[in-house]
N, C-alpha and C. Protein backbone atom coordinates (compact mmCIF):
# COMPACT_ATOMS: atom_id res chain seq x y z
N LEU A 1 90.82 155.17 69.24
CA LEU A 1 91.45 155.83 68.11
C LEU A 1 92.97 155.71 68.17
N ASN A 2 93.48 155.11 69.24
CA ASN A 2 94.93 154.98 69.39
C ASN A 2 95.52 154.06 68.32
N HIS A 3 94.76 153.10 67.87
CA HIS A 3 95.28 152.11 66.93
C HIS A 3 94.50 152.13 65.61
N ARG A 4 94.12 153.32 65.17
CA ARG A 4 93.31 153.47 63.95
C ARG A 4 94.01 152.84 62.74
N GLY A 5 95.32 153.05 62.60
CA GLY A 5 96.07 152.48 61.48
C GLY A 5 96.04 150.97 61.49
N THR A 6 96.22 150.38 62.65
CA THR A 6 96.17 148.91 62.78
C THR A 6 94.79 148.40 62.43
N GLU A 7 93.76 149.10 62.92
CA GLU A 7 92.39 148.68 62.65
C GLU A 7 92.08 148.72 61.16
N ILE A 8 92.47 149.80 60.49
CA ILE A 8 92.22 149.93 59.05
C ILE A 8 92.98 148.85 58.29
N THR A 9 94.23 148.59 58.67
CA THR A 9 95.03 147.55 58.02
C THR A 9 94.37 146.19 58.16
N LEU A 10 93.91 145.85 59.35
CA LEU A 10 93.27 144.55 59.57
C LEU A 10 91.95 144.44 58.83
N LEU A 11 91.17 145.52 58.79
CA LEU A 11 89.91 145.50 58.05
C LEU A 11 90.16 145.30 56.55
N LEU A 12 91.14 146.01 56.02
CA LEU A 12 91.48 145.84 54.60
C LEU A 12 91.98 144.43 54.32
N ALA A 13 92.83 143.92 55.19
CA ALA A 13 93.36 142.56 55.01
C ALA A 13 92.23 141.55 55.01
N ARG A 14 91.28 141.72 55.90
CA ARG A 14 90.15 140.79 55.97
C ARG A 14 89.24 140.93 54.76
N ASN A 15 88.90 142.17 54.40
CA ASN A 15 87.95 142.39 53.31
C ASN A 15 88.53 142.13 51.93
N ILE A 16 89.84 142.17 51.81
CA ILE A 16 90.49 141.85 50.53
C ILE A 16 91.03 140.42 50.57
N GLY A 17 91.65 140.06 51.67
CA GLY A 17 92.28 138.75 51.79
C GLY A 17 91.30 137.59 51.79
N TYR A 18 90.19 137.73 52.50
CA TYR A 18 89.21 136.64 52.59
C TYR A 18 88.67 136.25 51.21
N PRO A 19 88.20 137.20 50.39
CA PRO A 19 87.74 136.82 49.05
C PRO A 19 88.86 136.22 48.19
N ILE A 20 90.08 136.72 48.34
CA ILE A 20 91.21 136.17 47.57
C ILE A 20 91.45 134.71 47.96
N ILE A 21 91.40 134.43 49.25
CA ILE A 21 91.58 133.05 49.71
C ILE A 21 90.46 132.16 49.17
N LEU A 22 89.22 132.65 49.20
CA LEU A 22 88.11 131.86 48.68
C LEU A 22 88.29 131.55 47.20
N VAL A 23 88.66 132.58 46.42
CA VAL A 23 88.84 132.38 44.98
C VAL A 23 90.01 131.45 44.70
N SER A 24 91.02 131.46 45.56
CA SER A 24 92.16 130.55 45.34
C SER A 24 91.81 129.11 45.69
N LEU A 25 90.76 128.89 46.47
CA LEU A 25 90.38 127.54 46.88
C LEU A 25 89.25 126.94 46.06
N MET A 26 88.50 127.78 45.33
CA MET A 26 87.35 127.30 44.56
C MET A 26 87.12 128.22 43.37
N PRO A 27 86.36 127.77 42.38
CA PRO A 27 86.07 128.64 41.24
C PRO A 27 85.41 129.94 41.71
N TRP A 28 85.65 131.03 40.96
CA TRP A 28 85.20 132.36 41.39
C TRP A 28 83.70 132.42 41.63
N TYR A 29 82.91 131.75 40.78
CA TYR A 29 81.45 131.84 40.93
C TYR A 29 80.98 131.09 42.18
N ILE A 30 81.62 129.99 42.52
CA ILE A 30 81.29 129.28 43.76
C ILE A 30 81.75 130.11 44.97
N ALA A 31 82.92 130.73 44.83
CA ALA A 31 83.44 131.59 45.91
C ALA A 31 82.49 132.76 46.15
N ALA A 32 81.95 133.33 45.07
CA ALA A 32 81.03 134.46 45.20
C ALA A 32 79.75 134.03 45.92
N VAL A 33 79.20 132.89 45.52
CA VAL A 33 77.99 132.38 46.17
C VAL A 33 78.28 132.06 47.64
N PHE A 34 79.42 131.42 47.89
CA PHE A 34 79.83 131.10 49.26
C PHE A 34 79.90 132.38 50.11
N LEU A 35 80.53 133.42 49.56
CA LEU A 35 80.69 134.68 50.29
C LEU A 35 79.34 135.33 50.57
N VAL A 36 78.45 135.34 49.59
CA VAL A 36 77.12 135.94 49.78
C VAL A 36 76.35 135.17 50.85
N ILE A 37 76.37 133.84 50.79
CA ILE A 37 75.67 133.04 51.79
C ILE A 37 76.28 133.25 53.18
N HIS A 38 77.62 133.27 53.23
CA HIS A 38 78.30 133.49 54.50
C HIS A 38 77.90 134.83 55.12
N MET A 39 77.91 135.88 54.33
CA MET A 39 77.57 137.21 54.84
C MET A 39 76.09 137.29 55.24
N ALA A 40 75.22 136.63 54.47
CA ALA A 40 73.79 136.64 54.81
C ALA A 40 73.55 135.91 56.13
N LEU A 41 74.17 134.75 56.30
CA LEU A 41 74.00 134.01 57.55
C LEU A 41 74.58 134.78 58.73
N PHE A 42 75.71 135.44 58.51
CA PHE A 42 76.30 136.24 59.57
C PHE A 42 75.37 137.40 59.95
N GLY A 43 74.73 138.00 58.95
CA GLY A 43 73.78 139.08 59.22
C GLY A 43 72.59 138.60 60.03
N VAL A 44 72.07 137.42 59.70
CA VAL A 44 70.96 136.85 60.47
C VAL A 44 71.40 136.58 61.90
N TYR A 45 72.59 136.00 62.05
CA TYR A 45 73.13 135.72 63.38
C TYR A 45 73.28 137.00 64.20
N MET A 46 73.83 138.05 63.59
CA MET A 46 74.01 139.31 64.31
C MET A 46 72.64 139.92 64.68
N GLY A 47 71.70 139.86 63.75
CA GLY A 47 70.36 140.35 64.06
C GLY A 47 69.71 139.57 65.18
N ALA A 48 69.92 138.24 65.17
CA ALA A 48 69.37 137.39 66.23
C ALA A 48 70.05 137.66 67.56
N SER A 49 71.24 138.22 67.54
CA SER A 49 71.95 138.56 68.78
C SER A 49 71.57 139.95 69.28
N PHE A 50 71.34 140.90 68.37
CA PHE A 50 71.04 142.27 68.77
C PHE A 50 69.56 142.48 69.11
N ALA A 51 68.67 141.92 68.31
CA ALA A 51 67.23 142.20 68.46
C ALA A 51 66.68 141.87 69.84
N PRO A 52 67.04 140.73 70.45
CA PRO A 52 66.41 140.40 71.74
C PRO A 52 66.73 141.38 72.86
N ASN A 53 67.73 142.21 72.69
CA ASN A 53 68.17 143.09 73.76
C ASN A 53 67.42 144.42 73.83
N HIS A 54 66.78 144.84 72.75
CA HIS A 54 66.16 146.17 72.75
C HIS A 54 64.73 146.18 72.23
N LYS A 55 64.42 145.38 71.23
CA LYS A 55 63.09 145.43 70.62
C LYS A 55 62.02 145.12 71.66
N GLY A 56 60.98 145.92 71.67
CA GLY A 56 59.89 145.72 72.60
C GLY A 56 60.15 146.30 73.98
N MET A 57 61.29 146.92 74.18
CA MET A 57 61.58 147.56 75.47
C MET A 57 61.03 148.99 75.44
N PRO A 58 60.82 149.57 76.62
CA PRO A 58 60.31 150.95 76.65
C PRO A 58 61.24 151.91 75.92
N GLN A 59 60.64 152.89 75.29
CA GLN A 59 61.40 153.95 74.64
C GLN A 59 61.19 155.23 75.43
N ILE A 60 62.22 156.02 75.49
CA ILE A 60 62.13 157.27 76.24
C ILE A 60 61.71 158.39 75.29
N ALA A 61 60.62 159.02 75.63
CA ALA A 61 60.07 160.07 74.76
C ALA A 61 61.01 161.25 74.68
N ALA A 62 60.98 161.90 73.54
CA ALA A 62 61.79 163.11 73.35
C ALA A 62 61.36 164.14 74.39
N GLY A 63 62.34 164.82 74.93
CA GLY A 63 62.05 165.87 75.90
C GLY A 63 62.03 165.40 77.34
N ILE A 64 61.98 164.09 77.56
CA ILE A 64 62.00 163.57 78.93
C ILE A 64 63.45 163.40 79.35
N LYS A 65 63.78 163.97 80.48
CA LYS A 65 65.15 163.88 81.00
C LYS A 65 65.27 162.64 81.89
N VAL A 66 66.18 161.76 81.52
CA VAL A 66 66.43 160.54 82.28
C VAL A 66 67.93 160.42 82.48
N ASP A 67 68.33 160.05 83.69
CA ASP A 67 69.77 159.93 83.94
C ASP A 67 70.35 158.76 83.16
N PHE A 68 71.68 158.75 83.01
CA PHE A 68 72.39 157.76 82.21
C PHE A 68 72.06 156.33 82.65
N LEU A 69 72.09 156.06 83.94
CA LEU A 69 71.83 154.72 84.45
C LEU A 69 70.45 154.23 84.02
N ARG A 70 69.43 155.01 84.26
CA ARG A 70 68.07 154.59 83.91
C ARG A 70 67.89 154.46 82.40
N ARG A 71 68.50 155.36 81.65
CA ARG A 71 68.39 155.27 80.19
C ARG A 71 68.93 153.93 79.69
N GLN A 72 70.03 153.48 80.25
CA GLN A 72 70.64 152.23 79.81
C GLN A 72 69.88 151.01 80.34
N VAL A 73 69.51 151.05 81.60
CA VAL A 73 68.89 149.88 82.24
C VAL A 73 67.44 149.69 81.79
N LEU A 74 66.68 150.75 81.71
CA LEU A 74 65.26 150.63 81.40
C LEU A 74 64.97 150.33 79.93
N THR A 75 65.90 150.62 79.04
CA THR A 75 65.67 150.40 77.61
C THR A 75 66.39 149.18 77.06
N SER A 76 66.99 148.38 77.93
CA SER A 76 67.72 147.18 77.50
C SER A 76 67.25 145.99 78.31
N ARG A 77 67.52 144.80 77.78
CA ARG A 77 67.25 143.58 78.53
C ARG A 77 68.43 142.64 78.38
N ASN A 78 68.70 141.89 79.42
CA ASN A 78 69.74 140.86 79.38
C ASN A 78 69.10 139.52 79.06
N ILE A 79 69.90 138.62 78.52
CA ILE A 79 69.44 137.28 78.18
C ILE A 79 70.15 136.29 79.09
N ARG A 80 69.35 135.51 79.84
CA ARG A 80 69.91 134.47 80.72
C ARG A 80 70.38 133.29 79.88
N GLY A 81 71.27 132.48 80.45
CA GLY A 81 71.63 131.25 79.75
C GLY A 81 72.98 130.68 80.10
N GLY A 82 73.71 131.28 80.99
CA GLY A 82 74.97 130.72 81.44
C GLY A 82 76.09 130.82 80.42
N LEU A 83 77.07 129.94 80.56
CA LEU A 83 78.27 129.98 79.72
C LEU A 83 77.94 129.77 78.24
N PHE A 84 76.98 128.88 77.94
CA PHE A 84 76.62 128.66 76.54
C PHE A 84 76.13 129.96 75.91
N MET A 85 75.22 130.64 76.61
CA MET A 85 74.67 131.89 76.07
C MET A 85 75.75 132.96 75.98
N ASP A 86 76.66 132.99 76.97
CA ASP A 86 77.78 133.94 76.92
C ASP A 86 78.57 133.76 75.62
N HIS A 87 78.84 132.50 75.28
CA HIS A 87 79.61 132.21 74.06
C HIS A 87 78.77 132.47 72.81
N PHE A 88 77.54 131.97 72.80
CA PHE A 88 76.67 132.09 71.63
C PHE A 88 76.42 133.55 71.25
N MET A 89 76.20 134.39 72.26
CA MET A 89 75.88 135.79 71.98
C MET A 89 77.09 136.71 72.09
N GLY A 90 78.25 136.16 72.38
CA GLY A 90 79.48 136.95 72.42
C GLY A 90 79.47 138.06 73.45
N GLY A 91 78.75 137.85 74.54
CA GLY A 91 78.69 138.87 75.58
C GLY A 91 77.54 139.85 75.41
N LEU A 92 76.86 139.80 74.26
CA LEU A 92 75.73 140.72 74.04
C LEU A 92 74.52 140.36 74.89
N ASN A 93 74.57 139.19 75.54
CA ASN A 93 73.49 138.83 76.45
C ASN A 93 73.53 139.68 77.72
N TYR A 94 74.64 140.37 77.96
CA TYR A 94 74.75 141.32 79.07
C TYR A 94 74.65 142.74 78.50
N GLN A 95 73.55 143.02 77.82
CA GLN A 95 73.39 144.29 77.13
C GLN A 95 73.37 145.47 78.09
N ILE A 96 72.73 145.30 79.22
CA ILE A 96 72.65 146.40 80.19
C ILE A 96 74.05 146.81 80.62
N GLU A 97 74.85 145.82 81.03
CA GLU A 97 76.20 146.11 81.49
C GLU A 97 77.08 146.61 80.35
N HIS A 98 76.85 146.07 79.15
CA HIS A 98 77.61 146.53 77.97
C HIS A 98 77.36 148.02 77.73
N HIS A 99 76.12 148.46 77.91
CA HIS A 99 75.80 149.88 77.72
C HIS A 99 76.33 150.75 78.86
N LEU A 100 76.30 150.22 80.07
CA LEU A 100 76.80 150.99 81.21
C LEU A 100 78.32 151.11 81.18
N PHE A 101 78.99 150.02 80.77
CA PHE A 101 80.45 149.97 80.77
C PHE A 101 80.95 149.49 79.40
N PRO A 102 80.86 150.33 78.36
CA PRO A 102 81.16 149.88 77.00
C PRO A 102 82.59 149.40 76.79
N SER A 103 83.53 149.84 77.59
CA SER A 103 84.91 149.40 77.39
C SER A 103 85.29 148.21 78.27
N MET A 104 84.34 147.70 79.05
CA MET A 104 84.63 146.56 79.92
C MET A 104 84.84 145.31 79.07
N ALA A 105 85.83 144.51 79.43
CA ALA A 105 86.11 143.27 78.72
C ALA A 105 84.92 142.32 78.85
N ARG A 106 84.59 141.64 77.77
CA ARG A 106 83.43 140.74 77.73
C ARG A 106 83.41 139.73 78.87
N PRO A 107 84.54 139.08 79.20
CA PRO A 107 84.49 138.09 80.28
C PRO A 107 84.13 138.66 81.65
N LYS A 108 84.23 139.96 81.81
CA LYS A 108 83.93 140.60 83.11
C LYS A 108 82.46 141.01 83.23
N LEU A 109 81.71 140.97 82.13
CA LEU A 109 80.33 141.45 82.16
C LEU A 109 79.44 140.62 83.08
N ALA A 110 79.67 139.31 83.17
CA ALA A 110 78.84 138.47 84.03
C ALA A 110 78.98 138.88 85.49
N ARG A 111 80.20 139.16 85.91
CA ARG A 111 80.41 139.61 87.30
C ARG A 111 79.79 140.99 87.52
N ALA A 112 79.92 141.85 86.53
CA ALA A 112 79.32 143.19 86.64
C ALA A 112 77.80 143.09 86.73
N ALA A 113 77.21 142.11 86.02
CA ALA A 113 75.75 141.95 86.01
C ALA A 113 75.22 141.71 87.42
N LYS A 114 75.93 140.91 88.20
CA LYS A 114 75.49 140.64 89.58
C LYS A 114 75.46 141.93 90.39
N LEU A 115 76.48 142.75 90.23
CA LEU A 115 76.55 144.02 90.97
C LEU A 115 75.47 145.00 90.50
N VAL A 116 75.30 145.10 89.19
CA VAL A 116 74.31 146.03 88.64
C VAL A 116 72.90 145.59 89.03
N ARG A 117 72.62 144.28 88.95
CA ARG A 117 71.31 143.76 89.34
C ARG A 117 71.01 144.10 90.81
N GLN A 118 71.99 143.89 91.67
CA GLN A 118 71.82 144.18 93.10
C GLN A 118 71.61 145.69 93.32
N PHE A 119 72.41 146.50 92.64
CA PHE A 119 72.29 147.96 92.77
C PHE A 119 70.91 148.43 92.32
N CYS A 120 70.45 147.89 91.19
CA CYS A 120 69.13 148.28 90.68
C CYS A 120 68.02 147.87 91.64
N ALA A 121 68.15 146.70 92.25
CA ALA A 121 67.16 146.25 93.23
C ALA A 121 67.12 147.21 94.42
N GLU A 122 68.28 147.62 94.89
CA GLU A 122 68.36 148.55 96.02
C GLU A 122 67.73 149.90 95.68
N LYS A 123 67.92 150.36 94.44
CA LYS A 123 67.41 151.66 94.01
C LYS A 123 66.01 151.58 93.40
N LYS A 124 65.44 150.35 93.39
CA LYS A 124 64.10 150.11 92.82
C LYS A 124 64.02 150.52 91.35
N ILE A 125 65.06 150.16 90.60
CA ILE A 125 65.11 150.39 89.15
C ILE A 125 64.84 149.05 88.48
N SER A 126 63.87 149.00 87.59
CA SER A 126 63.51 147.75 86.91
C SER A 126 64.69 147.24 86.08
N TYR A 127 65.10 146.00 86.34
CA TYR A 127 66.23 145.36 85.65
C TYR A 127 65.64 144.16 84.92
N THR A 128 65.61 144.19 83.59
CA THR A 128 64.95 143.15 82.81
C THR A 128 65.93 142.10 82.35
N GLU A 129 65.59 140.85 82.66
CA GLU A 129 66.40 139.70 82.26
C GLU A 129 65.44 138.58 81.90
N THR A 130 65.68 137.93 80.78
CA THR A 130 64.76 136.89 80.32
C THR A 130 65.54 135.82 79.56
N GLY A 131 64.87 134.74 79.23
CA GLY A 131 65.49 133.69 78.43
C GLY A 131 65.49 134.08 76.96
N LEU A 132 66.31 133.40 76.17
CA LEU A 132 66.44 133.74 74.75
C LEU A 132 65.12 133.57 74.00
N PHE A 133 64.45 132.43 74.17
CA PHE A 133 63.23 132.19 73.41
C PHE A 133 62.09 133.10 73.89
N GLN A 134 62.05 133.39 75.18
CA GLN A 134 61.06 134.34 75.67
C GLN A 134 61.31 135.72 75.07
N SER A 135 62.57 136.11 74.96
CA SER A 135 62.88 137.42 74.37
C SER A 135 62.49 137.47 72.90
N TYR A 136 62.70 136.36 72.17
CA TYR A 136 62.26 136.32 70.78
C TYR A 136 60.74 136.46 70.70
N GLY A 137 60.02 135.84 71.64
CA GLY A 137 58.56 135.98 71.68
C GLY A 137 58.15 137.43 71.90
N ILE A 138 58.86 138.11 72.79
CA ILE A 138 58.58 139.53 73.07
C ILE A 138 58.83 140.36 71.81
N VAL A 139 59.94 140.07 71.12
CA VAL A 139 60.29 140.81 69.90
C VAL A 139 59.24 140.59 68.83
N ILE A 140 58.84 139.33 68.62
CA ILE A 140 57.84 139.02 67.59
C ILE A 140 56.51 139.68 67.91
N ALA A 141 56.09 139.64 69.17
CA ALA A 141 54.83 140.29 69.56
C ALA A 141 54.91 141.79 69.30
N TYR A 142 56.04 142.41 69.63
CA TYR A 142 56.21 143.85 69.40
C TYR A 142 56.17 144.17 67.90
N LEU A 143 56.91 143.40 67.10
CA LEU A 143 56.93 143.65 65.66
C LEU A 143 55.55 143.44 65.04
N ASN A 144 54.82 142.43 65.53
CA ASN A 144 53.46 142.22 65.03
C ASN A 144 52.56 143.39 65.38
N ARG A 145 52.66 143.89 66.61
CA ARG A 145 51.83 145.01 67.04
C ARG A 145 52.12 146.25 66.19
N VAL A 146 53.39 146.53 65.98
CA VAL A 146 53.77 147.71 65.21
C VAL A 146 53.47 147.49 63.73
N GLY A 147 53.76 146.29 63.22
CA GLY A 147 53.55 145.99 61.81
C GLY A 147 52.08 145.98 61.43
N LEU A 148 51.24 145.39 62.27
CA LEU A 148 49.81 145.36 61.97
C LEU A 148 49.21 146.76 62.00
N ALA A 149 49.75 147.60 62.84
CA ALA A 149 49.26 148.98 62.90
C ALA A 149 49.59 149.75 61.63
N ALA A 150 50.58 149.27 60.88
CA ALA A 150 50.97 149.97 59.65
C ALA A 150 49.87 149.91 58.60
N ARG A 151 48.91 149.01 58.78
CA ARG A 151 47.79 148.96 57.84
C ARG A 151 46.95 150.23 57.92
N ASP A 152 46.91 150.83 59.12
CA ASP A 152 46.18 152.08 59.31
C ASP A 152 47.19 153.22 59.38
N PRO A 153 47.26 154.06 58.36
CA PRO A 153 48.29 155.10 58.34
C PRO A 153 48.15 156.14 59.46
N PHE A 154 47.01 156.14 60.16
CA PHE A 154 46.82 157.12 61.23
C PHE A 154 47.05 156.52 62.61
N ASP A 155 47.51 155.27 62.66
CA ASP A 155 47.76 154.60 63.94
C ASP A 155 49.24 154.28 64.05
N CYS A 156 49.87 154.70 65.13
CA CYS A 156 51.30 154.45 65.33
C CYS A 156 51.52 154.05 66.79
N PRO A 157 51.61 152.74 67.10
CA PRO A 157 51.78 152.31 68.49
C PRO A 157 52.95 152.96 69.22
N PRO A 158 54.15 153.09 68.60
CA PRO A 158 55.22 153.75 69.35
C PRO A 158 54.88 155.19 69.72
N ALA A 159 54.18 155.89 68.83
CA ALA A 159 53.79 157.28 69.13
C ALA A 159 52.81 157.31 70.29
N GLN A 160 51.92 156.33 70.37
CA GLN A 160 50.98 156.27 71.50
C GLN A 160 51.72 156.02 72.80
N VAL A 161 52.70 155.12 72.77
CA VAL A 161 53.49 154.82 73.96
C VAL A 161 54.27 156.04 74.40
N LEU A 162 54.80 156.78 73.42
CA LEU A 162 55.62 157.95 73.74
C LEU A 162 54.79 159.20 73.98
N GLY A 163 53.49 159.11 73.82
CA GLY A 163 52.64 160.26 74.08
C GLY A 163 52.62 161.27 72.97
N ARG A 164 52.88 160.83 71.74
CA ARG A 164 52.90 161.76 70.60
C ARG A 164 51.69 161.57 69.69
N ALA A 165 50.80 160.68 70.07
CA ALA A 165 49.66 160.40 69.19
C ALA A 165 48.57 161.43 69.36
């Protein structure tokens, strides 16, 4: 919150300036289509970056007390892939460390992951790490399980997992 004014100024400049630049470079109707496609593709990209980290992971039932470390580690997964994946996912491939240390600079998350992984092994805390395509498979299987259950209004897989069924 220290730089709220700067943040608002930059957001306004981007949200007003970007469309103005587009309209100045191409007809307004092409600029509008370009902007809609750009935002849609960006949304898909962001969803493809966020979904593999949480979907299909255990959920903590209401009323169960879990410490901060376990809440972050047990409900998140990291995505393996080296420098390419670090760049492609913008550091979101280190979701566990991102949740444990939200203000840590992105380039430091890989080093933190080694320490957190080792600490979790010592404390016997499950630390989930998988490849990108395997994580998409896990997400799709989870969404299929939950989605297919929607055909029966009295069946709710998450409620069964959480003990609310």
